[in-house]
Amino acid sequence: MRGRAVSISVISVVLALFFAGTGWGEPMQKKSLSLEDARKAAAAAVTEAKKNKWNMAIAVVDDGGHLIYFERIDETQIASIDIAIGKARTAVNFKRPTKALEDAINGGQYAVMTFPNSIPREGGLPIFVDGKVVGGIGVSGGKSSEDTQVAIAGAGALK
């Protein structure tokens, strides 16, 4: 009987530690991008693009890859619309700059090209808050390095 009481006590302690550590029953606190944040990032990106006389499309998405805000500078090619959105989504989905995927392909890791719904091309950045991805920004319309320069300006506006 004494062994059974010890077993029940050990199980009770283990369960108490498990549930205490998970915040059982408490809602998770999650940071997110607001529409105002997305506009601020896009405005900084547009400023950088216009300063350099680059016609670009800029997309800001939330942590699920859903579009929050989009802006296309006049005379930007139409194809850049979907590419910018795709770069932002890719950055969120992989939690890294899209350049990492482009670099992997350039390094011979061609399997990256089979990843679904991804744009392995420089110009997309995840946006982090407290180490967590809260969204992403994608830019298209220029050279890859120019797209990244504009995305960095946009993401930097939120720091």
N, C-alpha and C. Protein backbone atom coordinates (compact mmCIF):
# COMPACT_ATOMS: atom_id res chain seq x y z
N MET A 1 0.82 -1.20 0.00
CA MET A 1 0.00 0.00 0.00
C MET A 1 0.87 1.26 0.00
N ARG A 2 1.97 1.19 0.76
CA ARG A 2 2.86 2.34 0.85
C ARG A 2 3.47 2.65 -0.52
N GLY A 3 3.84 1.63 -1.30
CA GLY A 3 4.39 1.81 -2.64
C GLY A 3 3.41 2.50 -3.56
N ARG A 4 2.14 2.15 -3.42
CA ARG A 4 1.11 2.78 -4.25
C ARG A 4 0.98 4.27 -3.93
N ALA A 5 1.06 4.62 -2.65
CA ALA A 5 0.96 6.03 -2.23
C ALA A 5 2.14 6.83 -2.78
N VAL A 6 3.33 6.24 -2.76
CA VAL A 6 4.51 6.91 -3.30
C VAL A 6 4.35 7.11 -4.81
N SER A 7 3.87 6.10 -5.52
CA SER A 7 3.67 6.20 -6.97
C SER A 7 2.67 7.30 -7.32
N ILE A 8 1.58 7.35 -6.56
CA ILE A 8 0.57 8.39 -6.80
C ILE A 8 1.16 9.77 -6.53
N SER A 9 1.96 9.90 -5.48
CA SER A 9 2.60 11.18 -5.16
C SER A 9 3.56 11.61 -6.27
N VAL A 10 4.36 10.68 -6.77
CA VAL A 10 5.31 11.00 -7.84
C VAL A 10 4.56 11.42 -9.10
N ILE A 11 3.54 10.68 -9.45
CA ILE A 11 2.73 11.03 -10.63
C ILE A 11 2.10 12.41 -10.45
N SER A 12 1.60 12.70 -9.27
CA SER A 12 0.97 14.01 -9.00
C SER A 12 1.97 15.15 -9.17
N VAL A 13 3.19 14.95 -8.65
CA VAL A 13 4.23 15.98 -8.77
C VAL A 13 4.60 16.19 -10.23
N VAL A 14 4.79 15.10 -10.97
CA VAL A 14 5.15 15.21 -12.39
C VAL A 14 4.06 15.93 -13.16
N LEU A 15 2.81 15.57 -12.95
CA LEU A 15 1.71 16.24 -13.64
C LEU A 15 1.62 17.71 -13.26
N ALA A 16 1.83 18.02 -11.98
CA ALA A 16 1.78 19.42 -11.55
C ALA A 16 2.88 20.24 -12.22
N LEU A 17 4.08 19.68 -12.30
CA LEU A 17 5.18 20.38 -12.97
C LEU A 17 4.89 20.56 -14.46
N PHE A 18 4.34 19.52 -15.08
CA PHE A 18 4.05 19.60 -16.52
C PHE A 18 3.03 20.69 -16.80
N PHE A 19 1.93 20.68 -16.08
CA PHE A 19 0.88 21.65 -16.35
C PHE A 19 1.26 23.05 -15.91
N ALA A 20 2.04 23.18 -14.87
CA ALA A 20 2.47 24.51 -14.42
C ALA A 20 3.39 25.16 -15.45
N GLY A 21 4.21 24.36 -16.12
CA GLY A 21 5.15 24.88 -17.10
C GLY A 21 4.52 25.27 -18.41
N THR A 22 3.34 24.79 -18.71
CA THR A 22 2.73 25.08 -20.00
C THR A 22 1.75 26.24 -19.96
N GLY A 23 1.47 26.78 -18.79
CA GLY A 23 0.48 27.84 -18.72
C GLY A 23 -0.90 27.31 -19.05
N TRP A 24 -1.16 26.09 -18.64
CA TRP A 24 -2.41 25.39 -18.93
C TRP A 24 -3.61 26.27 -18.61
N GLY A 25 -4.48 26.43 -19.55
CA GLY A 25 -5.69 27.20 -19.34
C GLY A 25 -5.54 28.69 -19.55
N GLU A 26 -4.33 29.13 -19.82
CA GLU A 26 -4.12 30.56 -20.04
C GLU A 26 -3.95 30.83 -21.53
N PRO A 27 -4.56 31.88 -22.04
CA PRO A 27 -4.36 32.20 -23.46
C PRO A 27 -2.92 32.63 -23.75
N MET A 28 -2.43 32.26 -24.91
CA MET A 28 -1.09 32.68 -25.30
C MET A 28 -1.08 34.16 -25.63
N GLN A 29 0.01 34.82 -25.30
CA GLN A 29 0.21 36.21 -25.67
C GLN A 29 1.04 36.22 -26.94
N LYS A 30 0.56 36.88 -27.98
CA LYS A 30 1.24 36.85 -29.27
C LYS A 30 1.35 38.27 -29.82
N LYS A 31 2.55 38.64 -30.22
CA LYS A 31 2.77 39.94 -30.86
C LYS A 31 2.34 39.82 -32.32
N SER A 32 1.88 40.90 -32.88
CA SER A 32 1.49 40.89 -34.29
C SER A 32 1.72 42.26 -34.90
N LEU A 33 1.72 42.28 -36.23
CA LEU A 33 1.84 43.55 -36.96
C LEU A 33 0.46 44.17 -37.09
N SER A 34 0.38 45.44 -36.85
CA SER A 34 -0.87 46.17 -37.07
C SER A 34 -0.85 46.75 -38.49
N LEU A 35 -1.97 47.23 -38.93
CA LEU A 35 -2.04 47.91 -40.22
C LEU A 35 -1.11 49.12 -40.22
N GLU A 36 -1.07 49.82 -39.09
CA GLU A 36 -0.18 50.99 -38.98
C GLU A 36 1.29 50.58 -39.10
N ASP A 37 1.66 49.45 -38.48
CA ASP A 37 3.04 48.94 -38.62
C ASP A 37 3.34 48.64 -40.09
N ALA A 38 2.41 47.98 -40.75
CA ALA A 38 2.61 47.61 -42.16
C ALA A 38 2.75 48.86 -43.03
N ARG A 39 1.93 49.86 -42.78
CA ARG A 39 2.03 51.12 -43.54
C ARG A 39 3.37 51.81 -43.29
N LYS A 40 3.82 51.78 -42.04
CA LYS A 40 5.10 52.40 -41.69
C LYS A 40 6.25 51.71 -42.41
N ALA A 41 6.24 50.39 -42.44
CA ALA A 41 7.29 49.63 -43.13
C ALA A 41 7.26 49.92 -44.63
N ALA A 42 6.07 49.90 -45.20
CA ALA A 42 5.93 50.17 -46.64
C ALA A 42 6.37 51.59 -46.98
N ALA A 43 6.02 52.55 -46.15
CA ALA A 43 6.39 53.94 -46.41
C ALA A 43 7.91 54.10 -46.43
N ALA A 44 8.59 53.45 -45.48
CA ALA A 44 10.06 53.53 -45.45
C ALA A 44 10.65 52.85 -46.69
N ALA A 45 10.05 51.74 -47.11
CA ALA A 45 10.52 51.05 -48.30
C ALA A 45 10.31 51.90 -49.55
N VAL A 46 9.16 52.52 -49.66
CA VAL A 46 8.87 53.39 -50.81
C VAL A 46 9.84 54.57 -50.84
N THR A 47 10.12 55.15 -49.70
CA THR A 47 11.07 56.26 -49.62
C THR A 47 12.44 55.84 -50.16
N GLU A 48 12.89 54.65 -49.74
CA GLU A 48 14.20 54.15 -50.20
C GLU A 48 14.17 53.89 -51.71
N ALA A 49 13.11 53.31 -52.19
CA ALA A 49 13.01 53.03 -53.63
C ALA A 49 12.99 54.31 -54.45
N LYS A 50 12.19 55.27 -54.03
CA LYS A 50 12.09 56.52 -54.77
C LYS A 50 13.39 57.32 -54.72
N LYS A 51 14.07 57.26 -53.57
CA LYS A 51 15.36 57.95 -53.44
C LYS A 51 16.33 57.46 -54.52
N ASN A 52 16.23 56.18 -54.86
CA ASN A 52 17.12 55.58 -55.86
C ASN A 52 16.49 55.49 -57.26
N LYS A 53 15.29 56.06 -57.39
CA LYS A 53 14.56 56.06 -58.67
C LYS A 53 14.29 54.64 -59.18
N TRP A 54 13.88 53.76 -58.23
CA TRP A 54 13.53 52.39 -58.57
C TRP A 54 12.01 52.23 -58.49
N ASN A 55 11.42 51.65 -59.52
CA ASN A 55 9.99 51.34 -59.52
C ASN A 55 9.81 49.95 -58.94
N MET A 56 9.10 49.87 -57.81
CA MET A 56 9.01 48.61 -57.08
C MET A 56 7.63 48.37 -56.51
N ALA A 57 7.37 47.10 -56.26
CA ALA A 57 6.18 46.66 -55.55
C ALA A 57 6.62 46.22 -54.16
N ILE A 58 5.85 46.61 -53.14
CA ILE A 58 6.19 46.32 -51.75
C ILE A 58 4.99 45.67 -51.10
N ALA A 59 5.21 44.51 -50.48
CA ALA A 59 4.15 43.79 -49.79
C ALA A 59 4.55 43.53 -48.35
N VAL A 60 3.60 43.70 -47.44
CA VAL A 60 3.81 43.38 -46.03
C VAL A 60 2.74 42.37 -45.64
N VAL A 61 3.18 41.24 -45.06
CA VAL A 61 2.26 40.18 -44.66
C VAL A 61 2.36 39.93 -43.16
N ASP A 62 1.34 39.27 -42.61
CA ASP A 62 1.36 38.90 -41.19
C ASP A 62 2.10 37.59 -40.99
N ASP A 63 2.09 37.07 -39.78
CA ASP A 63 2.85 35.86 -39.48
C ASP A 63 2.28 34.59 -40.13
N GLY A 64 1.13 34.69 -40.73
CA GLY A 64 0.56 33.58 -41.48
C GLY A 64 0.74 33.74 -42.98
N GLY A 65 1.42 34.81 -43.38
CA GLY A 65 1.65 35.08 -44.79
C GLY A 65 0.50 35.77 -45.49
N HIS A 66 -0.45 36.29 -44.72
CA HIS A 66 -1.61 36.97 -45.30
C HIS A 66 -1.29 38.46 -45.51
N LEU A 67 -1.66 38.96 -46.65
CA LEU A 67 -1.34 40.33 -47.01
C LEU A 67 -2.02 41.33 -46.07
N ILE A 68 -1.22 42.23 -45.51
CA ILE A 68 -1.74 43.32 -44.68
C ILE A 68 -1.77 44.61 -45.50
N TYR A 69 -0.66 44.85 -46.23
CA TYR A 69 -0.55 46.11 -46.95
C TYR A 69 0.29 45.90 -48.20
N PHE A 70 -0.10 46.59 -49.26
CA PHE A 70 0.62 46.49 -50.53
C PHE A 70 0.69 47.86 -51.17
N GLU A 71 1.84 48.14 -51.79
CA GLU A 71 1.98 49.39 -52.53
C GLU A 71 2.84 49.13 -53.76
N ARG A 72 2.40 49.71 -54.88
CA ARG A 72 3.16 49.59 -56.13
C ARG A 72 3.44 50.99 -56.64
N ILE A 73 4.71 51.30 -56.78
CA ILE A 73 5.11 52.60 -57.31
C ILE A 73 4.73 52.64 -58.79
N ASP A 74 4.31 53.81 -59.26
CA ASP A 74 3.93 53.98 -60.67
C ASP A 74 5.01 53.43 -61.59
N GLU A 75 4.59 52.82 -62.67
CA GLU A 75 5.45 52.27 -63.71
C GLU A 75 6.18 50.98 -63.32
N THR A 76 5.82 50.41 -62.18
CA THR A 76 6.41 49.13 -61.79
C THR A 76 5.77 48.03 -62.63
N GLN A 77 6.56 47.08 -63.08
CA GLN A 77 6.02 45.99 -63.90
C GLN A 77 4.96 45.21 -63.12
N ILE A 78 3.94 44.77 -63.81
CA ILE A 78 2.82 44.06 -63.19
C ILE A 78 3.28 42.75 -62.53
N ALA A 79 4.23 42.05 -63.13
CA ALA A 79 4.70 40.78 -62.57
C ALA A 79 5.25 40.94 -61.16
N SER A 80 5.74 42.12 -60.83
CA SER A 80 6.32 42.35 -59.50
C SER A 80 5.30 42.30 -58.38
N ILE A 81 4.03 42.43 -58.70
CA ILE A 81 2.98 42.38 -57.67
C ILE A 81 3.01 41.02 -56.97
N ASP A 82 2.80 39.96 -57.72
CA ASP A 82 2.76 38.62 -57.14
C ASP A 82 4.12 38.19 -56.59
N ILE A 83 5.18 38.64 -57.24
CA ILE A 83 6.52 38.28 -56.77
C ILE A 83 6.79 38.89 -55.40
N ALA A 84 6.45 40.16 -55.21
CA ALA A 84 6.67 40.82 -53.91
C ALA A 84 5.88 40.11 -52.81
N ILE A 85 4.63 39.80 -53.09
CA ILE A 85 3.80 39.10 -52.10
C ILE A 85 4.40 37.72 -51.82
N GLY A 86 4.82 37.03 -52.86
CA GLY A 86 5.42 35.71 -52.69
C GLY A 86 6.71 35.75 -51.89
N LYS A 87 7.53 36.77 -52.10
CA LYS A 87 8.77 36.89 -51.33
C LYS A 87 8.47 37.13 -49.84
N ALA A 88 7.49 37.97 -49.55
CA ALA A 88 7.13 38.23 -48.16
C ALA A 88 6.63 36.95 -47.49
N ARG A 89 5.77 36.21 -48.19
CA ARG A 89 5.24 34.94 -47.64
C ARG A 89 6.35 33.92 -47.44
N THR A 90 7.25 33.84 -48.39
CA THR A 90 8.37 32.89 -48.29
C THR A 90 9.22 33.21 -47.07
N ALA A 91 9.51 34.48 -46.85
CA ALA A 91 10.32 34.88 -45.70
C ALA A 91 9.66 34.48 -44.39
N VAL A 92 8.34 34.62 -44.32
CA VAL A 92 7.60 34.22 -43.11
C VAL A 92 7.61 32.71 -42.97
N ASN A 93 7.30 32.00 -44.04
CA ASN A 93 7.19 30.54 -43.97
C ASN A 93 8.50 29.87 -43.58
N PHE A 94 9.62 30.40 -44.04
CA PHE A 94 10.91 29.79 -43.75
C PHE A 94 11.66 30.49 -42.62
N LYS A 95 11.09 31.60 -42.10
CA LYS A 95 11.67 32.34 -40.99
C LYS A 95 13.10 32.78 -41.27
N ARG A 96 13.33 33.18 -42.52
CA ARG A 96 14.67 33.65 -42.91
C ARG A 96 14.53 34.48 -44.18
N PRO A 97 15.54 35.28 -44.48
CA PRO A 97 15.51 36.05 -45.73
C PRO A 97 15.44 35.10 -46.93
N THR A 98 14.74 35.51 -47.96
CA THR A 98 14.63 34.69 -49.15
C THR A 98 15.98 34.49 -49.83
N LYS A 99 16.93 35.36 -49.54
CA LYS A 99 18.28 35.21 -50.09
C LYS A 99 18.89 33.88 -49.65
N ALA A 100 18.53 33.40 -48.46
CA ALA A 100 19.06 32.11 -47.99
C ALA A 100 18.67 30.98 -48.92
N LEU A 101 17.46 31.03 -49.45
CA LEU A 101 17.01 30.00 -50.39
C LEU A 101 17.70 30.16 -51.73
N GLU A 102 17.87 31.40 -52.18
CA GLU A 102 18.58 31.65 -53.43
C GLU A 102 20.03 31.16 -53.32
N ASP A 103 20.66 31.46 -52.18
CA ASP A 103 22.04 31.02 -51.96
C ASP A 103 22.13 29.49 -51.95
N ALA A 104 21.14 28.83 -51.38
CA ALA A 104 21.14 27.36 -51.36
C ALA A 104 21.10 26.80 -52.78
N ILE A 105 20.27 27.38 -53.62
CA ILE A 105 20.19 26.93 -55.02
C ILE A 105 21.52 27.20 -55.73
N ASN A 106 22.05 28.39 -55.53
CA ASN A 106 23.34 28.73 -56.15
C ASN A 106 24.47 27.83 -55.66
N GLY A 107 24.30 27.26 -54.47
CA GLY A 107 25.29 26.34 -53.92
C GLY A 107 25.04 24.89 -54.32
N GLY A 108 24.09 24.67 -55.21
CA GLY A 108 23.84 23.32 -55.71
C GLY A 108 22.72 22.56 -55.04
N GLN A 109 22.03 23.18 -54.10
CA GLN A 109 20.92 22.51 -53.42
C GLN A 109 19.63 22.75 -54.21
N TYR A 110 19.53 22.08 -55.34
CA TYR A 110 18.42 22.31 -56.28
C TYR A 110 17.07 21.85 -55.76
N ALA A 111 17.05 21.03 -54.73
CA ALA A 111 15.78 20.58 -54.15
C ALA A 111 14.96 21.76 -53.64
N VAL A 112 15.62 22.87 -53.32
CA VAL A 112 14.91 24.07 -52.85
C VAL A 112 13.87 24.51 -53.88
N MET A 113 14.15 24.26 -55.15
CA MET A 113 13.22 24.68 -56.20
C MET A 113 11.92 23.87 -56.17
N THR A 114 11.88 22.77 -55.43
CA THR A 114 10.67 21.98 -55.32
C THR A 114 9.80 22.38 -54.14
N PHE A 115 10.28 23.30 -53.29
CA PHE A 115 9.50 23.73 -52.13
C PHE A 115 8.23 24.41 -52.61
N PRO A 116 7.07 24.00 -52.09
CA PRO A 116 5.82 24.60 -52.56
C PRO A 116 5.66 26.05 -52.13
N ASN A 117 5.03 26.81 -52.97
CA ASN A 117 4.66 28.20 -52.66
C ASN A 117 5.82 29.04 -52.13
N SER A 118 6.96 28.94 -52.76
CA SER A 118 8.11 29.73 -52.31
C SER A 118 8.74 30.45 -53.48
N ILE A 119 9.32 31.59 -53.17
CA ILE A 119 10.06 32.39 -54.14
C ILE A 119 11.50 32.45 -53.64
N PRO A 120 12.36 31.57 -54.16
CA PRO A 120 13.75 31.55 -53.69
C PRO A 120 14.61 32.61 -54.39
N ARG A 121 14.23 33.85 -54.18
CA ARG A 121 14.90 34.98 -54.84
C ARG A 121 15.05 36.09 -53.82
N GLU A 122 16.19 36.70 -53.78
CA GLU A 122 16.49 37.76 -52.82
C GLU A 122 15.43 38.86 -52.89
N GLY A 123 15.09 39.43 -51.71
CA GLY A 123 14.14 40.55 -51.66
C GLY A 123 13.02 40.38 -50.66
N GLY A 124 13.03 39.27 -49.91
CA GLY A 124 12.03 39.06 -48.87
C GLY A 124 12.70 38.89 -47.52
N LEU A 125 12.14 39.54 -46.50
CA LEU A 125 12.70 39.47 -45.14
C LEU A 125 11.61 39.17 -44.14
N PRO A 126 11.90 38.30 -43.16
CA PRO A 126 10.95 38.16 -42.05
C PRO A 126 11.09 39.36 -41.12
N ILE A 127 10.03 39.67 -40.43
CA ILE A 127 10.05 40.74 -39.43
C ILE A 127 9.91 40.08 -38.07
N PHE A 128 10.88 40.30 -37.19
CA PHE A 128 10.92 39.68 -35.88
C PHE A 128 10.59 40.69 -34.78
N VAL A 129 9.90 40.21 -33.74
CA VAL A 129 9.71 40.95 -32.50
C VAL A 129 9.96 39.96 -31.38
N ASP A 130 10.88 40.29 -30.50
CA ASP A 130 11.24 39.41 -29.38
C ASP A 130 11.58 38.00 -29.86
N GLY A 131 12.29 37.91 -30.97
CA GLY A 131 12.73 36.62 -31.48
C GLY A 131 11.68 35.79 -32.20
N LYS A 132 10.48 36.32 -32.36
CA LYS A 132 9.39 35.61 -33.03
C LYS A 132 9.04 36.32 -34.33
N VAL A 133 8.74 35.55 -35.37
CA VAL A 133 8.33 36.13 -36.64
C VAL A 133 6.91 36.66 -36.50
N VAL A 134 6.73 37.95 -36.77
CA VAL A 134 5.40 38.56 -36.70
C VAL A 134 4.89 38.94 -38.08
N GLY A 135 5.75 38.81 -39.09
CA GLY A 135 5.33 39.17 -40.44
C GLY A 135 6.54 39.14 -41.36
N GLY A 136 6.32 39.66 -42.55
CA GLY A 136 7.39 39.72 -43.52
C GLY A 136 7.17 40.84 -44.51
N ILE A 137 8.25 41.23 -45.18
CA ILE A 137 8.17 42.24 -46.22
C ILE A 137 8.84 41.68 -47.46
N GLY A 138 8.20 41.88 -48.59
CA GLY A 138 8.75 41.44 -49.85
C GLY A 138 8.76 42.58 -50.85
N VAL A 139 9.83 42.63 -51.64
CA VAL A 139 9.99 43.72 -52.61
C VAL A 139 10.40 43.12 -53.94
N SER A 140 9.86 43.66 -55.01
CA SER A 140 10.22 43.22 -56.36
C SER A 140 10.16 44.41 -57.31
N GLY A 141 11.01 44.33 -58.33
CA GLY A 141 10.99 45.38 -59.35
C GLY A 141 12.37 45.79 -59.80
N GLY A 142 13.36 45.53 -58.97
CA GLY A 142 14.72 45.90 -59.32
C GLY A 142 15.62 44.69 -59.38
N LYS A 143 16.92 44.94 -59.30
CA LYS A 143 17.87 43.84 -59.15
C LYS A 143 17.63 43.24 -57.77
N SER A 144 18.02 42.00 -57.59
CA SER A 144 17.80 41.35 -56.30
C SER A 144 18.39 42.14 -55.14
N SER A 145 19.59 42.64 -55.30
CA SER A 145 20.23 43.41 -54.23
C SER A 145 19.47 44.71 -53.94
N GLU A 146 18.88 45.31 -54.98
CA GLU A 146 18.08 46.52 -54.79
C GLU A 146 16.78 46.19 -54.04
N ASP A 147 16.17 45.06 -54.41
CA ASP A 147 14.95 44.63 -53.71
C ASP A 147 15.24 44.46 -52.22
N THR A 148 16.37 43.83 -51.90
CA THR A 148 16.74 43.61 -50.50
C THR A 148 17.03 44.93 -49.80
N GLN A 149 17.71 45.85 -50.47
CA GLN A 149 18.00 47.15 -49.87
C GLN A 149 16.71 47.85 -49.46
N VAL A 150 15.71 47.79 -50.33
CA VAL A 150 14.43 48.43 -50.04
C VAL A 150 13.69 47.68 -48.92
N ALA A 151 13.76 46.36 -48.92
CA ALA A 151 13.12 45.56 -47.86
C ALA A 151 13.77 45.85 -46.51
N ILE A 152 15.08 45.99 -46.49
CA ILE A 152 15.79 46.30 -45.23
C ILE A 152 15.32 47.65 -44.70
N ALA A 153 15.16 48.62 -45.58
CA ALA A 153 14.68 49.94 -45.15
C ALA A 153 13.28 49.83 -44.54
N GLY A 154 12.43 49.02 -45.16
CA GLY A 154 11.07 48.84 -44.65
C GLY A 154 11.05 48.15 -43.30
N ALA A 155 11.75 47.03 -43.21
CA ALA A 155 11.78 46.29 -41.95
C ALA A 155 12.44 47.11 -40.85
N GLY A 156 13.47 47.88 -41.21
CA GLY A 156 14.18 48.70 -40.25
C GLY A 156 13.31 49.78 -39.62
N ALA A 157 12.28 50.18 -40.31
CA ALA A 157 11.39 51.23 -39.78
C ALA A 157 10.59 50.73 -38.58
N LEU A 158 10.56 49.43 -38.37
CA LEU A 158 9.78 48.87 -37.26
C LEU A 158 10.61 48.56 -36.04
N LYS A 159 11.90 48.91 -36.08
CA LYS A 159 12.76 48.62 -34.92
C LYS A 159 12.77 49.75 -33.94
